[in-house]
Amino acid sequence: MWSEQHCCHCHSRTSHHSITHSKFTAAQLHSMDLPADGFDTLGGAKLRIVKTTDGDLIVGGQQVGEPNYAMASNGVIHEIGGVITNPSM
């Protein structure tokens, strides 16, 4: 679901903490009630997503720079402004 800006094809344990089991566009995330405890990731952690009053999305503490960067049959990639190393609540 999420792509680190400088590490789009990374398959490390770190990247698995930024990929969820869900497939949502930015519009869908904005229109839904986000789970307070975050989304489950492939790495087994929780990834928190926050909607700001300015209409931005914050994922794991990083601002989404370009939502819906790429659409694939198995997910949506959103470009973010940094690397998610440890999803924080």
N, C-alpha and C. Protein backbone atom coordinates (compact mmCIF):
# COMPACT_ATOMS: atom_id res chain seq x y z
N MET A 1 0.80 -1.18 0.00
CA MET A 1 0.00 0.00 0.00
C MET A 1 0.85 1.25 0.00
N TRP A 2 1.97 1.26 0.67
CA TRP A 2 2.82 2.43 0.77
C TRP A 2 4.19 2.16 0.18
N SER A 3 4.78 3.18 -0.40
CA SER A 3 6.10 3.04 -1.01
C SER A 3 7.03 4.08 -0.43
N GLU A 4 8.19 3.66 0.07
CA GLU A 4 9.19 4.63 0.52
C GLU A 4 9.71 5.38 -0.69
N GLN A 5 9.89 6.68 -0.57
CA GLN A 5 10.25 7.53 -1.70
C GLN A 5 11.53 7.08 -2.38
N HIS A 6 12.53 6.63 -1.63
CA HIS A 6 13.81 6.28 -2.23
C HIS A 6 14.04 4.77 -2.24
N CYS A 7 13.03 3.99 -1.97
CA CYS A 7 13.23 2.55 -1.82
C CYS A 7 12.00 1.80 -2.31
N CYS A 8 11.60 2.05 -3.54
CA CYS A 8 10.33 1.52 -4.04
C CYS A 8 10.33 0.01 -4.21
N HIS A 9 11.47 -0.60 -4.45
CA HIS A 9 11.50 -2.04 -4.69
C HIS A 9 12.19 -2.80 -3.56
N CYS A 10 12.24 -2.18 -2.40
CA CYS A 10 12.92 -2.79 -1.26
C CYS A 10 12.08 -3.92 -0.68
N HIS A 11 12.69 -5.07 -0.44
CA HIS A 11 11.98 -6.21 0.14
C HIS A 11 12.50 -6.54 1.52
N SER A 12 13.04 -5.56 2.20
CA SER A 12 13.59 -5.79 3.53
C SER A 12 12.48 -5.87 4.56
N ARG A 13 12.85 -6.27 5.76
CA ARG A 13 11.90 -6.31 6.86
C ARG A 13 11.30 -4.94 7.11
N THR A 14 12.08 -3.87 6.92
CA THR A 14 11.58 -2.52 7.12
C THR A 14 10.42 -2.22 6.18
N SER A 15 10.54 -2.57 4.91
CA SER A 15 9.47 -2.26 3.97
C SER A 15 8.20 -3.04 4.29
N HIS A 16 8.31 -4.21 4.89
CA HIS A 16 7.11 -4.98 5.24
C HIS A 16 6.30 -4.31 6.34
N HIS A 17 6.90 -3.37 7.07
CA HIS A 17 6.17 -2.61 8.07
C HIS A 17 5.45 -1.42 7.45
N SER A 18 5.58 -1.22 6.15
CA SER A 18 4.88 -0.13 5.48
C SER A 18 3.91 -0.64 4.42
N ILE A 19 3.70 -1.95 4.38
CA ILE A 19 2.78 -2.55 3.41
C ILE A 19 1.66 -3.24 4.20
N THR A 20 0.43 -2.87 3.90
CA THR A 20 -0.71 -3.45 4.61
C THR A 20 -1.36 -4.55 3.77
N HIS A 21 -2.28 -5.25 4.39
CA HIS A 21 -3.04 -6.29 3.70
C HIS A 21 -4.22 -5.68 2.93
N SER A 22 -4.46 -4.39 3.11
CA SER A 22 -5.61 -3.72 2.51
C SER A 22 -5.21 -2.94 1.27
N LYS A 23 -6.20 -2.62 0.46
CA LYS A 23 -5.99 -1.85 -0.77
C LYS A 23 -6.94 -0.66 -0.76
N PHE A 24 -6.40 0.55 -0.50
CA PHE A 24 -7.22 1.74 -0.43
C PHE A 24 -6.60 2.87 -1.23
N THR A 25 -7.45 3.62 -1.95
CA THR A 25 -7.00 4.85 -2.56
C THR A 25 -7.04 5.94 -1.49
N ALA A 26 -6.42 7.07 -1.78
CA ALA A 26 -6.43 8.18 -0.83
C ALA A 26 -7.86 8.65 -0.57
N ALA A 27 -8.69 8.71 -1.61
CA ALA A 27 -10.08 9.14 -1.44
C ALA A 27 -10.84 8.20 -0.50
N GLN A 28 -10.59 6.90 -0.62
CA GLN A 28 -11.24 5.94 0.27
C GLN A 28 -10.79 6.14 1.71
N LEU A 29 -9.50 6.37 1.91
CA LEU A 29 -8.98 6.59 3.26
C LEU A 29 -9.58 7.85 3.87
N HIS A 30 -9.74 8.90 3.06
CA HIS A 30 -10.31 10.15 3.56
C HIS A 30 -11.78 9.98 3.95
N SER A 31 -12.50 9.09 3.26
CA SER A 31 -13.93 8.97 3.50
C SER A 31 -14.29 7.95 4.58
N MET A 32 -13.32 7.20 5.09
CA MET A 32 -13.63 6.17 6.06
C MET A 32 -13.19 6.56 7.47
N ASP A 33 -13.75 5.87 8.45
CA ASP A 33 -13.27 5.99 9.82
C ASP A 33 -12.06 5.08 9.93
N LEU A 34 -10.91 5.66 10.15
CA LEU A 34 -9.67 4.90 10.23
C LEU A 34 -9.57 4.19 11.57
N PRO A 35 -9.08 2.95 11.59
CA PRO A 35 -8.94 2.24 12.86
C PRO A 35 -7.94 2.95 13.78
N ALA A 36 -8.33 3.17 15.02
CA ALA A 36 -7.48 3.89 15.97
C ALA A 36 -6.17 3.16 16.23
N ASP A 37 -6.20 1.83 16.16
CA ASP A 37 -4.98 1.06 16.44
C ASP A 37 -4.14 0.83 15.20
N GLY A 38 -4.57 1.31 14.04
CA GLY A 38 -3.81 1.18 12.80
C GLY A 38 -4.19 -0.05 12.00
N PHE A 39 -3.54 -0.19 10.85
CA PHE A 39 -3.75 -1.32 9.96
C PHE A 39 -2.66 -2.36 10.17
N ASP A 40 -2.99 -3.63 10.05
CA ASP A 40 -1.99 -4.70 10.14
C ASP A 40 -1.09 -4.64 8.91
N THR A 41 0.22 -4.82 9.12
CA THR A 41 1.17 -4.82 8.00
C THR A 41 1.65 -6.25 7.73
N LEU A 42 2.31 -6.41 6.59
CA LEU A 42 2.87 -7.72 6.24
C LEU A 42 3.94 -8.15 7.24
N GLY A 43 4.58 -7.17 7.89
CA GLY A 43 5.61 -7.47 8.88
C GLY A 43 5.07 -7.76 10.27
N GLY A 44 3.75 -7.71 10.43
CA GLY A 44 3.14 -8.02 11.71
C GLY A 44 2.96 -6.85 12.64
N ALA A 45 3.37 -5.67 12.24
CA ALA A 45 3.22 -4.47 13.07
C ALA A 45 1.89 -3.79 12.72
N LYS A 46 1.60 -2.73 13.42
CA LYS A 46 0.44 -1.88 13.13
C LYS A 46 0.94 -0.60 12.50
N LEU A 47 0.29 -0.13 11.45
CA LEU A 47 0.66 1.10 10.76
C LEU A 47 -0.49 2.09 10.92
N ARG A 48 -0.22 3.18 11.60
CA ARG A 48 -1.25 4.17 11.86
C ARG A 48 -1.31 5.19 10.73
N ILE A 49 -2.54 5.50 10.33
CA ILE A 49 -2.79 6.50 9.29
C ILE A 49 -3.65 7.58 9.91
N VAL A 50 -3.25 8.84 9.71
CA VAL A 50 -3.95 9.98 10.29
C VAL A 50 -4.35 10.93 9.18
N LYS A 51 -5.59 11.45 9.27
CA LYS A 51 -6.05 12.50 8.36
C LYS A 51 -5.88 13.83 9.07
N THR A 52 -5.20 14.78 8.42
CA THR A 52 -5.01 16.10 9.03
C THR A 52 -6.18 17.01 8.69
N THR A 53 -6.29 18.12 9.41
CA THR A 53 -7.35 19.08 9.13
C THR A 53 -7.13 19.79 7.79
N ASP A 54 -5.89 19.73 7.28
CA ASP A 54 -5.56 20.33 5.97
C ASP A 54 -5.87 19.39 4.81
N GLY A 55 -6.32 18.17 5.11
CA GLY A 55 -6.64 17.21 4.05
C GLY A 55 -5.50 16.29 3.67
N ASP A 56 -4.40 16.36 4.41
CA ASP A 56 -3.26 15.48 4.13
C ASP A 56 -3.42 14.15 4.85
N LEU A 57 -2.67 13.17 4.40
CA LEU A 57 -2.59 11.88 5.09
C LEU A 57 -1.19 11.72 5.65
N ILE A 58 -1.11 11.25 6.89
CA ILE A 58 0.16 10.97 7.55
C ILE A 58 0.19 9.46 7.79
N VAL A 59 1.22 8.81 7.29
CA VAL A 59 1.34 7.35 7.40
C VAL A 59 2.61 7.03 8.16
N GLY A 60 2.46 6.37 9.30
CA GLY A 60 3.63 6.02 10.09
C GLY A 60 4.51 7.20 10.41
N GLY A 61 3.90 8.38 10.57
CA GLY A 61 4.65 9.60 10.87
C GLY A 61 5.17 10.35 9.66
N GLN A 62 4.94 9.82 8.45
CA GLN A 62 5.43 10.45 7.22
C GLN A 62 4.26 10.97 6.39
N GLN A 63 4.39 12.18 5.87
CA GLN A 63 3.33 12.77 5.06
C GLN A 63 3.30 12.15 3.66
N VAL A 64 2.08 11.88 3.20
CA VAL A 64 1.91 11.37 1.84
C VAL A 64 2.14 12.52 0.88
N GLY A 65 3.11 12.35 -0.02
CA GLY A 65 3.45 13.40 -0.98
C GLY A 65 2.62 13.31 -2.24
N GLU A 66 2.50 12.12 -2.78
CA GLU A 66 1.72 11.90 -3.99
C GLU A 66 0.83 10.68 -3.79
N PRO A 67 -0.45 10.92 -3.46
CA PRO A 67 -1.36 9.79 -3.27
C PRO A 67 -1.64 9.10 -4.61
N ASN A 68 -1.95 7.82 -4.52
CA ASN A 68 -2.31 7.02 -5.71
C ASN A 68 -1.22 7.10 -6.78
N TYR A 69 0.03 7.05 -6.36
CA TYR A 69 1.18 7.16 -7.26
C TYR A 69 1.12 6.10 -8.36
N ALA A 70 0.75 4.89 -7.99
CA ALA A 70 0.62 3.80 -8.96
C ALA A 70 -0.47 2.85 -8.49
N MET A 71 -1.24 2.36 -9.43
CA MET A 71 -2.29 1.39 -9.15
C MET A 71 -1.85 0.04 -9.72
N ALA A 72 -2.04 -1.00 -8.93
CA ALA A 72 -1.70 -2.35 -9.37
C ALA A 72 -2.85 -3.28 -9.03
N SER A 73 -2.83 -4.46 -9.57
CA SER A 73 -3.91 -5.41 -9.29
C SER A 73 -3.93 -5.84 -7.83
N ASN A 74 -2.78 -5.73 -7.15
CA ASN A 74 -2.71 -6.17 -5.76
C ASN A 74 -2.54 -5.03 -4.76
N GLY A 75 -2.68 -3.78 -5.19
CA GLY A 75 -2.56 -2.69 -4.24
C GLY A 75 -2.42 -1.32 -4.86
N VAL A 76 -2.30 -0.34 -3.99
CA VAL A 76 -2.13 1.06 -4.38
C VAL A 76 -0.84 1.56 -3.73
N ILE A 77 -0.01 2.24 -4.50
CA ILE A 77 1.23 2.80 -3.97
C ILE A 77 1.04 4.29 -3.78
N HIS A 78 1.35 4.76 -2.56
CA HIS A 78 1.30 6.18 -2.25
C HIS A 78 2.72 6.62 -1.92
N GLU A 79 3.21 7.65 -2.58
CA GLU A 79 4.56 8.14 -2.29
C GLU A 79 4.54 8.94 -1.01
N ILE A 80 5.50 8.66 -0.13
CA ILE A 80 5.58 9.37 1.14
C ILE A 80 6.91 10.11 1.23
N GLY A 81 7.00 11.03 2.19
CA GLY A 81 8.15 11.91 2.29
C GLY A 81 9.34 11.36 3.05
N GLY A 82 9.31 10.11 3.45
CA GLY A 82 10.43 9.53 4.19
C GLY A 82 10.26 8.04 4.34
N VAL A 83 11.16 7.43 5.05
CA VAL A 83 11.14 5.98 5.23
C VAL A 83 10.46 5.64 6.55
N ILE A 84 9.58 4.69 6.53
CA ILE A 84 8.94 4.19 7.74
C ILE A 84 9.82 3.05 8.26
N THR A 85 10.47 3.28 9.38
CA THR A 85 11.36 2.26 9.92
C THR A 85 10.71 1.45 11.02
N ASN A 86 9.82 2.06 11.77
CA ASN A 86 9.14 1.36 12.85
C ASN A 86 7.79 2.03 13.05
N PRO A 87 6.73 1.45 12.52
CA PRO A 87 5.41 2.10 12.65
C PRO A 87 5.14 2.46 14.09
N SER A 88 4.77 3.68 14.31
CA SER A 88 4.50 4.14 15.66
C SER A 88 3.02 4.42 15.84
N MET A 89 2.59 4.25 17.03
CA MET A 89 1.21 4.52 17.36
C MET A 89 1.19 5.88 17.98
